């Protein structure tokens, strides 16, 4: 999700740094461009790290067992879920 935001920040930063020749007295637009590009790269990097962490954790493991209780004759369903796997 943040990959798009990172790309947007990099593009805006590159425009401010390399393509804009305007001058503002109190603000250095080139430095703001470099900050935007760094923030965009950081957003992309964090997005990739968090996605890798989420998929590396896996999901869960489940086992389903069905049998008939001999005393009552009713069907018994058991589901064991292991969230750590």
C-alpha atoms as a PDB file:
ATOM      1  CA  UNK A   1       0.000   0.000   0.000  1.00  0.00           C
ATOM      2  CA  UNK A   2       2.789   2.414   0.848  1.00  0.00           C
ATOM      3  CA  UNK A   3       4.726   1.597  -2.309  1.00  0.00           C
ATOM      4  CA  UNK A   4       2.488   3.964  -4.262  1.00  0.00           C
ATOM      5  CA  UNK A   5       3.001   6.694  -1.683  1.00  0.00           C
ATOM      6  CA  UNK A   6       6.759   6.140  -1.840  1.00  0.00           C
ATOM      7  CA  UNK A   7       6.804   6.411  -5.620  1.00  0.00           C
ATOM      8  CA  UNK A   8       4.707   9.582  -5.434  1.00  0.00           C
ATOM      9  CA  UNK A   9       7.084  11.160  -2.912  1.00  0.00           C
ATOM     10  CA  UNK A  10      10.108  10.254  -5.024  1.00  0.00           C
ATOM     11  CA  UNK A  11       8.530  11.798  -8.132  1.00  0.00           C
ATOM     12  CA  UNK A  12       7.529  14.994  -6.318  1.00  0.00           C
ATOM     13  CA  UNK A  13      10.970  15.229  -4.741  1.00  0.00           C
ATOM     14  CA  UNK A  14      12.701  14.760  -8.081  1.00  0.00           C
ATOM     15  CA  UNK A  15      10.563  17.467  -9.637  1.00  0.00           C
ATOM     16  CA  UNK A  16      11.336  19.861  -6.790  1.00  0.00           C
ATOM     17  CA  UNK A  17      15.050  19.079  -6.897  1.00  0.00           C
ATOM     18  CA  UNK A  18      15.869  18.768 -10.590  1.00  0.00           C
ATOM     19  CA  UNK A  19      13.098  20.322 -12.689  1.00  0.00           C
ATOM     20  CA  UNK A  20      11.966  23.357 -10.745  1.00  0.00           C
ATOM     21  CA  UNK A  21      13.953  26.559 -11.161  1.00  0.00           C
ATOM     22  CA  UNK A  22      11.755  28.701  -8.911  1.00  0.00           C
ATOM     23  CA  UNK A  23      13.199  30.424  -5.894  1.00  0.00           C
ATOM     24  CA  UNK A  24      11.524  31.045  -2.567  1.00  0.00           C
ATOM     25  CA  UNK A  25      13.284  33.228  -0.005  1.00  0.00           C
ATOM     26  CA  UNK A  26      12.484  31.283   3.165  1.00  0.00           C
ATOM     27  CA  UNK A  27      12.430  27.747   1.716  1.00  0.00           C
ATOM     28  CA  UNK A  28      15.101  25.762  -0.079  1.00  0.00           C
ATOM     29  CA  UNK A  29      13.050  23.754  -2.594  1.00  0.00           C
ATOM     30  CA  UNK A  30      15.993  21.572  -3.514  1.00  0.00           C
ATOM     31  CA  UNK A  31      16.389  20.401   0.075  1.00  0.00           C
ATOM     32  CA  UNK A  32      12.670  19.736   0.380  1.00  0.00           C
ATOM     33  CA  UNK A  33      12.953  17.656  -2.796  1.00  0.00           C
ATOM     34  CA  UNK A  34      15.785  15.587  -1.317  1.00  0.00           C
ATOM     35  CA  UNK A  35      13.756  15.087   1.876  1.00  0.00           C
ATOM     36  CA  UNK A  36      10.731  13.942  -0.142  1.00  0.00           C
ATOM     37  CA  UNK A  37      12.860  11.479  -2.111  1.00  0.00           C
ATOM     38  CA  UNK A  38      14.363  10.076   1.095  1.00  0.00           C
ATOM     39  CA  UNK A  39      10.921   9.751   2.669  1.00  0.00           C
ATOM     40  CA  UNK A  40       9.664   7.976  -0.458  1.00  0.00           C
ATOM     41  CA  UNK A  41      12.550   5.524  -0.406  1.00  0.00           C
ATOM     42  CA  UNK A  42      11.943   4.892   3.294  1.00  0.00           C
ATOM     43  CA  UNK A  43       8.218   4.299   2.670  1.00  0.00           C
ATOM     44  CA  UNK A  44       8.990   1.745  -0.050  1.00  0.00           C
ATOM     45  CA  UNK A  45      11.598   0.011   2.096  1.00  0.00           C
ATOM     46  CA  UNK A  46       9.314  -0.213   5.128  1.00  0.00           C
ATOM     47  CA  UNK A  47       6.460  -1.475   2.976  1.00  0.00           C
ATOM     48  CA  UNK A  48       8.618  -4.270   1.582  1.00  0.00           C
ATOM     49  CA  UNK A  49       9.952  -5.210   5.034  1.00  0.00           C
ATOM     50  CA  UNK A  50       6.475  -5.317   6.575  1.00  0.00           C
ATOM     51  CA  UNK A  51       5.099  -7.373   3.684  1.00  0.00           C
ATOM     52  CA  UNK A  52       7.972  -9.827   4.009  1.00  0.00           C
ATOM     53  CA  UNK A  53       7.410 -10.091   7.764  1.00  0.00           C
ATOM     54  CA  UNK A  54       3.714 -10.801   7.304  1.00  0.00           C
ATOM     55  CA  UNK A  55       4.275 -13.542   4.714  1.00  0.00           C
ATOM     56  CA  UNK A  56       7.240 -15.084   6.557  1.00  0.00           C
ATOM     57  CA  UNK A  57       5.100 -15.629   9.638  1.00  0.00           C
ATOM     58  CA  UNK A  58       2.939 -17.918   7.582  1.00  0.00           C
ATOM     59  CA  UNK A  59      -0.565 -18.557   8.630  1.00  0.00           C
ATOM     60  CA  UNK A  60      -1.749 -21.344  10.792  1.00  0.00           C
ATOM     61  CA  UNK A  61      -2.002 -25.084  10.791  1.00  0.00           C
ATOM     62  CA  UNK A  62      -5.342 -26.817  11.275  1.00  0.00           C
ATOM     63  CA  UNK A  63      -6.286 -30.441  11.729  1.00  0.00           C
ATOM     64  CA  UNK A  64      -9.892 -31.696  11.583  1.00  0.00           C
ATOM     65  CA  UNK A  65     -10.978 -35.016  13.077  1.00  0.00           C
ATOM     66  CA  UNK A  66     -14.487 -36.477  12.946  1.00  0.00           C
ATOM     67  CA  UNK A  67     -15.621 -39.557  14.801  1.00  0.00           C
ATOM     68  CA  UNK A  68     -18.754 -41.034  16.363  1.00  0.00           C
ATOM     69  CA  UNK A  69     -19.089 -41.125  20.131  1.00  0.00           C
ATOM     70  CA  UNK A  70     -19.806 -44.778  21.042  1.00  0.00           C
ATOM     71  CA  UNK A  71     -21.750 -43.886  24.189  1.00  0.00           C
ATOM     72  CA  UNK A  72     -24.254 -41.499  22.580  1.00  0.00           C
ATOM     73  CA  UNK A  73     -23.959 -42.358  18.902  1.00  0.00           C
ATOM     74  CA  UNK A  74     -23.542 -38.690  18.003  1.00  0.00           C
ATOM     75  CA  UNK A  75     -20.957 -37.344  15.631  1.00  0.00           C
ATOM     76  CA  UNK A  76     -18.062 -35.400  17.192  1.00  0.00           C
ATOM     77  CA  UNK A  77     -15.996 -32.926  15.157  1.00  0.00           C
ATOM     78  CA  UNK A  78     -12.688 -31.711  16.562  1.00  0.00           C
ATOM     79  CA  UNK A  79     -10.595 -28.935  15.035  1.00  0.00           C
ATOM     80  CA  UNK A  80      -7.095 -28.227  16.345  1.00  0.00           C
ATOM     81  CA  UNK A  81      -5.621 -24.920  15.221  1.00  0.00           C
ATOM     82  CA  UNK A  82      -1.943 -24.055  15.724  1.00  0.00           C
ATOM     83  CA  UNK A  83      -1.447 -20.302  15.110  1.00  0.00           C
ATOM     84  CA  UNK A  84       2.328 -20.506  15.565  1.00  0.00           C
ATOM     85  CA  UNK A  85       2.987 -22.527  12.472  1.00  0.00           C
END
